[in-house]
Amino acid sequence: TPKGERNDIVLAAAYVAGVTKVFTVGGAQAVAAL
């Protein structure tokens, strides 16, 4: 979420698709965390 900006349609898609948990991290650090 660059500069803290969240995309509502992306988050809504996660809701529709049954995603369990969401973390607002990206890049190599997100891949390493997973």
PDB file of all heavy atoms in Angstrom:
ATOM      1  N   THR A   1       0.858  -1.191   0.000  1.00  0.00           N
ATOM      2  CA  THR A   1       0.000   0.000   0.000  1.00  0.00           C
ATOM      3  C   THR A   1       0.893   1.238   0.000  1.00  0.00           C
ATOM      4  O   THR A   1       1.156   1.826   1.048  1.00  0.00           O
ATOM      5  CB  THR A   1      -0.934   0.018   1.226  1.00  0.00           C
ATOM      6  OG1 THR A   1      -0.139  -0.130   2.414  1.00  0.00           O
ATOM      7  CG2 THR A   1      -1.938  -1.114   1.167  1.00  0.00           C
ATOM      8  N   PRO A   2       1.424   1.621  -1.167  1.00  0.00           N
ATOM      9  CA  PRO A   2       2.324   2.775  -1.248  1.00  0.00           C
ATOM     10  C   PRO A   2       1.710   4.026  -0.628  1.00  0.00           C
ATOM     11  O   PRO A   2       0.574   4.379  -0.921  1.00  0.00           O
ATOM     12  CB  PRO A   2       2.532   2.940  -2.754  1.00  0.00           C
ATOM     13  CG  PRO A   2       2.263   1.588  -3.320  1.00  0.00           C
ATOM     14  CD  PRO A   2       1.177   1.017  -2.473  1.00  0.00           C
ATOM     15  N   LYS A   3       2.484   4.647   0.264  1.00  0.00           N
ATOM     16  CA  LYS A   3       2.041   5.839   1.003  1.00  0.00           C
ATOM     17  C   LYS A   3       0.755   5.574   1.772  1.00  0.00           C
ATOM     18  O   LYS A   3      -0.022   6.500   2.051  1.00  0.00           O
ATOM     19  CB  LYS A   3       1.871   7.023   0.041  1.00  0.00           C
ATOM     20  CG  LYS A   3       3.171   7.441  -0.632  1.00  0.00           C
ATOM     21  CD  LYS A   3       2.977   8.642  -1.528  1.00  0.00           C
ATOM     22  CE  LYS A   3       4.307   9.036  -2.172  1.00  0.00           C
ATOM     23  NZ  LYS A   3       4.164  10.210  -3.069  1.00  0.00           N
ATOM     24  N   GLY A   4       0.551   4.308   2.132  1.00  0.00           N
ATOM     25  CA  GLY A   4      -0.608   3.946   2.936  1.00  0.00           C
ATOM     26  C   GLY A   4      -1.905   3.872   2.179  1.00  0.00           C
ATOM     27  O   GLY A   4      -2.978   3.672   2.776  1.00  0.00           O
ATOM     28  N   GLU A   5      -1.857   4.013   0.856  1.00  0.00           N
ATOM     29  CA  GLU A   5      -3.084   4.022   0.062  1.00  0.00           C
ATOM     30  C   GLU A   5      -3.565   2.603  -0.212  1.00  0.00           C
ATOM     31  O   GLU A   5      -2.863   1.799  -0.814  1.00  0.00           O
ATOM     32  CB  GLU A   5      -2.849   4.752  -1.257  1.00  0.00           C
ATOM     33  CG  GLU A   5      -4.121   4.909  -2.080  1.00  0.00           C
ATOM     34  CD  GLU A   5      -3.910   5.745  -3.331  1.00  0.00           C
ATOM     35  OE1 GLU A   5      -2.903   6.491  -3.389  1.00  0.00           O
ATOM     36  OE2 GLU A   5      -4.739   5.628  -4.249  1.00  0.00           O
ATOM     37  N   ARG A   6      -4.770   2.315   0.241  1.00  0.00           N
ATOM     38  CA  ARG A   6      -5.361   0.985   0.058  1.00  0.00           C
ATOM     39  C   ARG A   6      -6.360   1.028  -1.089  1.00  0.00           C
ATOM     40  O   ARG A   6      -7.142   1.971  -1.210  1.00  0.00           O
ATOM     41  CB  ARG A   6      -6.062   0.535   1.349  1.00  0.00           C
ATOM     42  CG  ARG A   6      -5.123   0.400   2.534  1.00  0.00           C
ATOM     43  CD  ARG A   6      -5.890   0.115   3.819  1.00  0.00           C
ATOM     44  NE  ARG A   6      -4.997  -0.005   4.964  1.00  0.00           N
ATOM     45  CZ  ARG A   6      -5.412  -0.181   6.213  1.00  0.00           C
ATOM     46  NH1 ARG A   6      -6.724  -0.266   6.470  1.00  0.00           N
ATOM     47  NH2 ARG A   6      -4.537  -0.279   7.198  1.00  0.00           N
ATOM     48  N   ASN A   7      -6.339  -0.012  -1.894  1.00  0.00           N
ATOM     49  CA  ASN A   7      -7.248  -0.108  -3.027  1.00  0.00           C
ATOM     50  C   ASN A   7      -8.478  -0.907  -2.608  1.00  0.00           C
ATOM     51  O   ASN A   7      -8.409  -2.109  -2.365  1.00  0.00           O
ATOM     52  CB  ASN A   7      -6.540  -0.789  -4.209  1.00  0.00           C
ATOM     53  CG  ASN A   7      -7.396  -0.793  -5.460  1.00  0.00           C
ATOM     54  OD1 ASN A   7      -8.453  -1.406  -5.489  1.00  0.00           O
ATOM     55  ND2 ASN A   7      -6.926  -0.108  -6.494  1.00  0.00           N
ATOM     56  N   ASP A   8      -9.619  -0.227  -2.518  1.00  0.00           N
ATOM     57  CA  ASP A   8     -10.833  -0.883  -2.026  1.00  0.00           C
ATOM     58  C   ASP A   8     -11.271  -2.050  -2.901  1.00  0.00           C
ATOM     59  O   ASP A   8     -11.805  -3.047  -2.394  1.00  0.00           O
ATOM     60  CB  ASP A   8     -11.981   0.133  -1.929  1.00  0.00           C
ATOM     61  CG  ASP A   8     -11.970   0.908  -0.611  1.00  0.00           C
ATOM     62  OD1 ASP A   8     -11.225   0.506   0.303  1.00  0.00           O
ATOM     63  OD2 ASP A   8     -12.709   1.909  -0.499  1.00  0.00           O
ATOM     64  N   ILE A   9     -11.067  -1.947  -4.220  1.00  0.00           N
ATOM     65  CA  ILE A   9     -11.528  -3.031  -5.094  1.00  0.00           C
ATOM     66  C   ILE A   9     -10.680  -4.282  -4.873  1.00  0.00           C
ATOM     67  O   ILE A   9     -11.196  -5.403  -4.870  1.00  0.00           O
ATOM     68  CB  ILE A   9     -11.500  -2.595  -6.575  1.00  0.00           C
ATOM     69  CG1 ILE A   9     -12.337  -1.341  -6.782  1.00  0.00           C
ATOM     70  CG2 ILE A   9     -12.032  -3.709  -7.461  1.00  0.00           C
ATOM     71  CD1 ILE A   9     -12.362  -0.823  -8.197  1.00  0.00           C
ATOM     72  N   VAL A  10      -9.368  -4.102  -4.646  1.00  0.00           N
ATOM     73  CA  VAL A  10      -8.502  -5.246  -4.341  1.00  0.00           C
ATOM     74  C   VAL A  10      -8.936  -5.905  -3.032  1.00  0.00           C
ATOM     75  O   VAL A  10      -9.029  -7.142  -2.933  1.00  0.00           O
ATOM     76  CB  VAL A  10      -7.025  -4.794  -4.264  1.00  0.00           C
ATOM     77  CG1 VAL A  10      -6.157  -5.897  -3.661  1.00  0.00           C
ATOM     78  CG2 VAL A  10      -6.510  -4.434  -5.650  1.00  0.00           C
ATOM     79  N   LEU A  11      -9.224  -5.104  -2.026  1.00  0.00           N
ATOM     80  CA  LEU A  11      -9.639  -5.658  -0.728  1.00  0.00           C
ATOM     81  C   LEU A  11     -11.028  -6.295  -0.834  1.00  0.00           C
ATOM     82  O   LEU A  11     -11.287  -7.334  -0.207  1.00  0.00           O
ATOM     83  CB  LEU A  11      -9.633  -4.563   0.330  1.00  0.00           C
ATOM     84  CG  LEU A  11      -8.286  -3.863   0.551  1.00  0.00           C
ATOM     85  CD1 LEU A  11      -8.378  -2.863   1.697  1.00  0.00           C
ATOM     86  CD2 LEU A  11      -7.182  -4.882   0.823  1.00  0.00           C
ATOM     87  N   ALA A  12     -11.894  -5.697  -1.634  1.00  0.00           N
ATOM     88  CA  ALA A  12     -13.219  -6.294  -1.842  1.00  0.00           C
ATOM     89  C   ALA A  12     -13.100  -7.641  -2.544  1.00  0.00           C
ATOM     90  O   ALA A  12     -13.832  -8.595  -2.237  1.00  0.00           O
ATOM     91  CB  ALA A  12     -14.092  -5.347  -2.656  1.00  0.00           C
ATOM     92  N   ALA A  13     -12.168  -7.730  -3.498  1.00  0.00           N
ATOM     93  CA  ALA A  13     -11.938  -9.011  -4.181  1.00  0.00           C
ATOM     94  C   ALA A  13     -11.470 -10.070  -3.201  1.00  0.00           C
ATOM     95  O   ALA A  13     -11.854 -11.242  -3.305  1.00  0.00           O
ATOM     96  CB  ALA A  13     -10.914  -8.819  -5.301  1.00  0.00           C
ATOM     97  N   ALA A  14     -10.639  -9.675  -2.235  1.00  0.00           N
ATOM     98  CA  ALA A  14     -10.182 -10.619  -1.209  1.00  0.00           C
ATOM     99  C   ALA A  14     -11.365 -11.112  -0.378  1.00  0.00           C
ATOM    100  O   ALA A  14     -11.435 -12.292  -0.008  1.00  0.00           O
ATOM    101  CB  ALA A  14      -9.144  -9.954  -0.316  1.00  0.00           C
ATOM    102  N   TYR A  15     -12.297 -10.221  -0.103  1.00  0.00           N
ATOM    103  CA  TYR A  15     -13.502 -10.595   0.647  1.00  0.00           C
ATOM    104  C   TYR A  15     -14.344 -11.585  -0.151  1.00  0.00           C
ATOM    105  O   TYR A  15     -14.776 -12.628   0.365  1.00  0.00           O
ATOM    106  CB  TYR A  15     -14.307  -9.334   0.960  1.00  0.00           C
ATOM    107  CG  TYR A  15     -15.607  -9.582   1.690  1.00  0.00           C
ATOM    108  CD1 TYR A  15     -15.618  -9.933   3.032  1.00  0.00           C
ATOM    109  CD2 TYR A  15     -16.826  -9.459   1.021  1.00  0.00           C
ATOM    110  CE1 TYR A  15     -16.819 -10.168   3.703  1.00  0.00           C
ATOM    111  CE2 TYR A  15     -18.025  -9.686   1.667  1.00  0.00           C
ATOM    112  CZ  TYR A  15     -18.015 -10.035   3.018  1.00  0.00           C
ATOM    113  OH  TYR A  15     -19.204 -10.268   3.670  1.00  0.00           O
ATOM    114  N   VAL A  16     -14.542 -11.283  -1.423  1.00  0.00           N
ATOM    115  CA  VAL A  16     -15.361 -12.148  -2.286  1.00  0.00           C
ATOM    116  C   VAL A  16     -14.708 -13.516  -2.472  1.00  0.00           C
ATOM    117  O   VAL A  16     -15.390 -14.550  -2.501  1.00  0.00           O
ATOM    118  CB  VAL A  16     -15.586 -11.467  -3.653  1.00  0.00           C
ATOM    119  CG1 VAL A  16     -16.206 -12.432  -4.651  1.00  0.00           C
ATOM    120  CG2 VAL A  16     -16.473 -10.242  -3.493  1.00  0.00           C
ATOM    121  N   ALA A  17     -13.370 -13.534  -2.582  1.00  0.00           N
ATOM    122  CA  ALA A  17     -12.656 -14.776  -2.891  1.00  0.00           C
ATOM    123  C   ALA A  17     -12.337 -15.610  -1.655  1.00  0.00           C
ATOM    124  O   ALA A  17     -11.721 -16.665  -1.765  1.00  0.00           O
ATOM    125  CB  ALA A  17     -11.363 -14.452  -3.629  1.00  0.00           C
ATOM    126  N   GLY A  18     -12.728 -15.143  -0.486  1.00  0.00           N
ATOM    127  CA  GLY A  18     -12.542 -15.941   0.720  1.00  0.00           C
ATOM    128  C   GLY A  18     -11.127 -15.960   1.263  1.00  0.00           C
ATOM    129  O   GLY A  18     -10.703 -16.954   1.864  1.00  0.00           O
ATOM    130  N   VAL A  19     -10.393 -14.857   1.087  1.00  0.00           N
ATOM    131  CA  VAL A  19      -9.048 -14.765   1.662  1.00  0.00           C
ATOM    132  C   VAL A  19      -9.159 -14.730   3.182  1.00  0.00           C
ATOM    133  O   VAL A  19     -10.028 -14.060   3.743  1.00  0.00           O
ATOM    134  CB  VAL A  19      -8.328 -13.501   1.136  1.00  0.00           C
ATOM    135  CG1 VAL A  19      -7.032 -13.256   1.885  1.00  0.00           C
ATOM    136  CG2 VAL A  19      -8.066 -13.640  -0.359  1.00  0.00           C
ATOM    137  N   THR A  20      -8.264 -15.457   3.855  1.00  0.00           N
ATOM    138  CA  THR A  20      -8.336 -15.589   5.308  1.00  0.00           C
ATOM    139  C   THR A  20      -7.765 -14.377   6.034  1.00  0.00           C
ATOM    140  O   THR A  20      -8.390 -13.830   6.943  1.00  0.00           O
ATOM    141  CB  THR A  20      -7.568 -16.843   5.768  1.00  0.00           C
ATOM    142  OG1 THR A  20      -7.959 -17.956   4.966  1.00  0.00           O
ATOM    143  CG2 THR A  20      -7.849 -17.146   7.228  1.00  0.00           C
ATOM    144  N   LYS A  21      -6.546 -13.977   5.663  1.00  0.00           N
ATOM    145  CA  LYS A  21      -5.864 -12.858   6.311  1.00  0.00           C
ATOM    146  C   LYS A  21      -5.182 -12.005   5.257  1.00  0.00           C
ATOM    147  O   LYS A  21      -4.715 -12.526   4.239  1.00  0.00           O
ATOM    148  CB  LYS A  21      -4.804 -13.355   7.311  1.00  0.00           C
ATOM    149  CG  LYS A  21      -5.354 -14.157   8.477  1.00  0.00           C
ATOM    150  CD  LYS A  21      -4.211 -14.669   9.360  1.00  0.00           C
ATOM    151  CE  LYS A  21      -4.743 -15.538  10.495  1.00  0.00           C
ATOM    152  NZ  LYS A  21      -3.644 -16.113  11.311  1.00  0.00           N
ATOM    153  N   VAL A  22      -5.084 -10.693   5.522  1.00  0.00           N
ATOM    154  CA  VAL A  22      -4.409  -9.775   4.609  1.00  0.00           C
ATOM    155  C   VAL A  22      -3.390  -8.952   5.383  1.00  0.00           C
ATOM    156  O   VAL A  22      -3.696  -8.413   6.457  1.00  0.00           O
ATOM    157  CB  VAL A  22      -5.408  -8.837   3.909  1.00  0.00           C
ATOM    158  CG1 VAL A  22      -4.665  -7.825   3.033  1.00  0.00           C
ATOM    159  CG2 VAL A  22      -6.399  -9.632   3.064  1.00  0.00           C
ATOM    160  N   PHE A  23      -2.175  -8.865   4.820  1.00  0.00           N
ATOM    161  CA  PHE A  23      -1.119  -8.038   5.395  1.00  0.00           C
ATOM    162  C   PHE A  23      -0.703  -7.020   4.337  1.00  0.00           C
ATOM    163  O   PHE A  23      -0.441  -7.393   3.184  1.00  0.00           O
ATOM    164  CB  PHE A  23       0.079  -8.888   5.814  1.00  0.00           C
ATOM    165  CG  PHE A  23      -0.240  -9.873   6.906  1.00  0.00           C
ATOM    166  CD1 PHE A  23      -0.679 -11.155   6.593  1.00  0.00           C
ATOM    167  CD2 PHE A  23      -0.119  -9.513   8.236  1.00  0.00           C
ATOM    168  CE1 PHE A  23      -0.985 -12.065   7.597  1.00  0.00           C
ATOM    169  CE2 PHE A  23      -0.422 -10.418   9.251  1.00  0.00           C
ATOM    170  CZ  PHE A  23      -0.853 -11.695   8.939  1.00  0.00           C
ATOM    171  N   THR A  24      -0.631  -5.747   4.719  1.00  0.00           N
ATOM    172  CA  THR A  24      -0.314  -4.694   3.757  1.00  0.00           C
ATOM    173  C   THR A  24       1.204  -4.525   3.655  1.00  0.00           C
ATOM    174  O   THR A  24       1.769  -3.504   4.049  1.00  0.00           O
ATOM    175  CB  THR A  24      -0.979  -3.366   4.162  1.00  0.00           C
ATOM    176  OG1 THR A  24      -0.564  -2.999   5.493  1.00  0.00           O
ATOM    177  CG2 THR A  24      -2.485  -3.495   4.129  1.00  0.00           C
ATOM    178  N   VAL A  25       1.837  -5.549   3.139  1.00  0.00           N
ATOM    179  CA  VAL A  25       3.279  -5.531   2.879  1.00  0.00           C
ATOM    180  C   VAL A  25       3.503  -6.017   1.453  1.00  0.00           C
ATOM    181  O   VAL A  25       2.692  -6.758   0.904  1.00  0.00           O
ATOM    182  CB  VAL A  25       4.058  -6.411   3.880  1.00  0.00           C
ATOM    183  CG1 VAL A  25       3.935  -5.860   5.281  1.00  0.00           C
ATOM    184  CG2 VAL A  25       3.573  -7.857   3.835  1.00  0.00           C
ATOM    185  N   GLY A  26       4.602  -5.586   0.856  1.00  0.00           N
ATOM    186  CA  GLY A  26       4.894  -5.994  -0.511  1.00  0.00           C
ATOM    187  C   GLY A  26       6.372  -6.236  -0.703  1.00  0.00           C
ATOM    188  O   GLY A  26       7.147  -6.279   0.250  1.00  0.00           O
ATOM    189  N   GLY A  27       6.755  -6.403  -1.961  1.00  0.00           N
ATOM    190  CA  GLY A  27       8.158  -6.559  -2.299  1.00  0.00           C
ATOM    191  C   GLY A  27       8.769  -7.855  -1.813  1.00  0.00           C
ATOM    192  O   GLY A  27       8.074  -8.797  -1.389  1.00  0.00           O
ATOM    193  N   ALA A  28      10.092  -7.903  -1.863  1.00  0.00           N
ATOM    194  CA  ALA A  28      10.821  -9.098  -1.429  1.00  0.00           C
ATOM    195  C   ALA A  28      10.549  -9.417   0.023  1.00  0.00           C
ATOM    196  O   ALA A  28      10.548 -10.589   0.428  1.00  0.00           O
ATOM    197  CB  ALA A  28      12.320  -8.895  -1.657  1.00  0.00           C
ATOM    198  N   GLN A  29      10.304  -8.389   0.838  1.00  0.00           N
ATOM    199  CA  GLN A  29      10.066  -8.616   2.265  1.00  0.00           C
ATOM    200  C   GLN A  29       8.782  -9.404   2.507  1.00  0.00           C
ATOM    201  O   GLN A  29       8.704 -10.219   3.434  1.00  0.00           O
ATOM    202  CB  GLN A  29      10.044  -7.291   3.033  1.00  0.00           C
ATOM    203  CG  GLN A  29       8.978  -6.294   2.620  1.00  0.00           C
ATOM    204  CD  GLN A  29       9.430  -5.366   1.520  1.00  0.00           C
ATOM    205  OE1 GLN A  29      10.350  -5.688   0.761  1.00  0.00           O
ATOM    206  NE2 GLN A  29       8.797  -4.202   1.416  1.00  0.00           N
ATOM    207  N   ALA A  30       7.771  -9.188   1.667  1.00  0.00           N
ATOM    208  CA  ALA A  30       6.526  -9.942   1.807  1.00  0.00           C
ATOM    209  C   ALA A  30       6.739 -11.406   1.446  1.00  0.00           C
ATOM    210  O   ALA A  30       6.246 -12.319   2.125  1.00  0.00           O
ATOM    211  CB  ALA A  30       5.444  -9.334   0.923  1.00  0.00           C
ATOM    212  N   VAL A  31       7.479 -11.639   0.369  1.00  0.00           N
ATOM    213  CA  VAL A  31       7.768 -13.013  -0.055  1.00  0.00           C
ATOM    214  C   VAL A  31       8.568 -13.734   1.028  1.00  0.00           C
ATOM    215  O   VAL A  31       8.283 -14.893   1.368  1.00  0.00           O
ATOM    216  CB  VAL A  31       8.541 -13.017  -1.390  1.00  0.00           C
ATOM    217  CG1 VAL A  31       8.977 -14.428  -1.763  1.00  0.00           C
ATOM    218  CG2 VAL A  31       7.683 -12.410  -2.495  1.00  0.00           C
ATOM    219  N   ALA A  32       9.564 -13.055   1.604  1.00  0.00           N
ATOM    220  CA  ALA A  32      10.370 -13.661   2.664  1.00  0.00           C
ATOM    221  C   ALA A  32       9.523 -13.979   3.888  1.00  0.00           C
ATOM    222  O   ALA A  32       9.669 -15.043   4.507  1.00  0.00           O
ATOM    223  CB  ALA A  32      11.513 -12.726   3.040  1.00  0.00           C
ATOM    224  N   ALA A  33       8.624 -13.075   4.244  1.00  0.00           N
ATOM    225  CA  ALA A  33       7.764 -13.305   5.407  1.00  0.00           C
ATOM    226  C   ALA A  33       6.871 -14.521   5.205  1.00  0.00           C
ATOM    227  O   ALA A  33       6.683 -15.342   6.116  1.00  0.00           O
ATOM    228  CB  ALA A  33       6.922 -12.058   5.677  1.00  0.00           C
ATOM    229  N   LEU A  34       6.310 -14.656   3.996  1.00  0.00           N
ATOM    230  CA  LEU A  34       5.462 -15.808   3.709  1.00  0.00           C
ATOM    231  C   LEU A  34       6.274 -17.106   3.705  1.00  0.00           C
ATOM    232  O   LEU A  34       5.796 -18.164   4.130  1.00  0.00           O
ATOM    233  CB  LEU A  34       4.771 -15.627   2.355  1.00  0.00           C
ATOM    234  CG  LEU A  34       3.712 -14.517   2.265  1.00  0.00           C
ATOM    235  CD1 LEU A  34       3.306 -14.290   0.818  1.00  0.00           C
ATOM    236  CD2 LEU A  34       2.490 -14.863   3.110  1.00  0.00           C
TER     237      LEU A  34
END
